[in-house]
Protein backbone atom coordinates (compact mmCIF):
# COMPACT_ATOMS: atom_id res chain seq x y z
CA UNK A 1 0.00 0.00 0.00
CA UNK A 2 1.45 3.39 -0.98
CA UNK A 3 1.13 6.47 1.14
CA UNK A 4 -0.15 9.57 -0.61
CA UNK A 5 1.21 12.84 0.69
CA UNK A 6 -0.97 15.79 -0.13
CA UNK A 7 0.38 19.29 0.20
CA UNK A 8 -1.19 22.58 -0.56
CA UNK A 9 0.28 24.88 -3.20
CA UNK A 10 1.52 27.25 -0.49
CA UNK A 11 3.28 24.42 1.36
CA UNK A 12 5.07 23.34 -1.82
CA UNK A 13 5.97 26.94 -2.68
CA UNK A 14 7.41 27.52 0.82
CA UNK A 15 9.37 24.27 0.63
CA UNK A 16 10.96 25.34 -2.67
CA UNK A 17 11.78 28.79 -1.26
CA UNK A 18 13.46 27.22 1.79
CA UNK A 19 15.53 24.77 -0.26
CA UNK A 20 16.44 27.03 -3.19
CA UNK A 21 20.05 28.18 -3.19
CA UNK A 22 19.50 31.81 -4.21
CA UNK A 23 23.21 32.70 -4.50
CA UNK A 24 23.77 29.76 -6.85
CA UNK A 25 20.79 30.78 -8.99
CA UNK A 26 21.87 34.44 -9.12
CA UNK A 27 25.46 33.45 -9.97
CA UNK A 28 24.14 31.96 -13.22
CA UNK A 29 23.19 35.51 -14.26
CA UNK A 30 25.99 37.65 -12.79
CA UNK A 31 29.21 37.40 -10.80
CA UNK A 32 28.56 37.50 -7.03
CA UNK A 33 30.92 38.42 -4.18
CA UNK A 34 30.73 37.16 -0.58
CA UNK A 35 29.96 39.74 2.12
CA UNK A 36 29.49 39.53 5.89
CA UNK A 37 25.70 39.06 5.60
CA UNK A 38 25.46 37.29 2.26
CA UNK A 39 26.48 38.30 -1.25
CA UNK A 40 26.56 41.38 -3.47
CA UNK A 41 26.62 41.82 -7.24
CA UNK A 42 25.89 44.13 -10.09
CA UNK A 43 22.17 43.81 -10.66
CA UNK A 44 21.19 41.33 -13.39
CA UNK A 45 17.79 43.05 -13.67
CA UNK A 46 19.10 46.45 -14.78
CA UNK A 47 22.44 47.67 -16.16
CA UNK A 48 24.84 49.15 -13.60
CA UNK A 49 28.58 49.60 -13.03
CA UNK A 50 28.75 49.34 -9.23
CA UNK A 51 27.16 46.56 -7.14
CA UNK A 52 23.84 47.47 -5.54
CA UNK A 53 22.26 44.00 -5.65
CA UNK A 54 22.32 42.19 -2.29
CA UNK A 55 21.45 38.61 -1.35
CA UNK A 56 20.61 37.88 2.29
CA UNK A 57 21.31 34.19 2.83
CA UNK A 58 19.65 34.09 6.25
CA UNK A 59 16.29 35.15 4.86
CA UNK A 60 16.96 33.74 1.37
CA UNK A 61 15.89 36.94 -0.39
CA UNK A 62 17.43 39.65 -2.56
CA UNK A 63 17.13 43.42 -2.86
CA UNK A 64 18.60 45.87 -5.36
CA UNK A 65 19.04 49.44 -4.14
CA UNK A 66 19.48 50.62 -7.74
CA UNK A 67 16.15 49.50 -9.19
CA UNK A 68 14.29 48.92 -5.89
CA UNK A 69 13.42 45.34 -6.78
CA UNK A 70 13.47 42.59 -4.20
CA UNK A 71 11.93 39.32 -3.19
CA UNK A 72 12.39 35.59 -3.07
CA UNK A 73 13.69 33.09 -5.63
CA UNK A 74 10.39 33.14 -7.54
CA UNK A 75 10.47 36.93 -7.91
CA UNK A 76 14.09 36.81 -9.07
CA UNK A 77 13.31 34.24 -11.75
CA UNK A 78 10.28 36.25 -12.83
CA UNK A 79 12.38 39.42 -13.27
CA UNK A 80 15.35 37.85 -15.08
């Protein structure tokens, strides 16, 4: 007898967000540099010469001070 595990959409979405390696995903789009709280990079969403894109690894989210975009892994993939 097989056990069926049913999860809601929100549960699955949260599970993906928790397990996604945001720095690894972002590094496929731009070069990232380690910082004390996470990583920084030139924003892959808009063109810039100095890094204003930050990745917080504790909360697993990003924010760009140049274009004021931020969010989780889903938002990043939507914007790139």
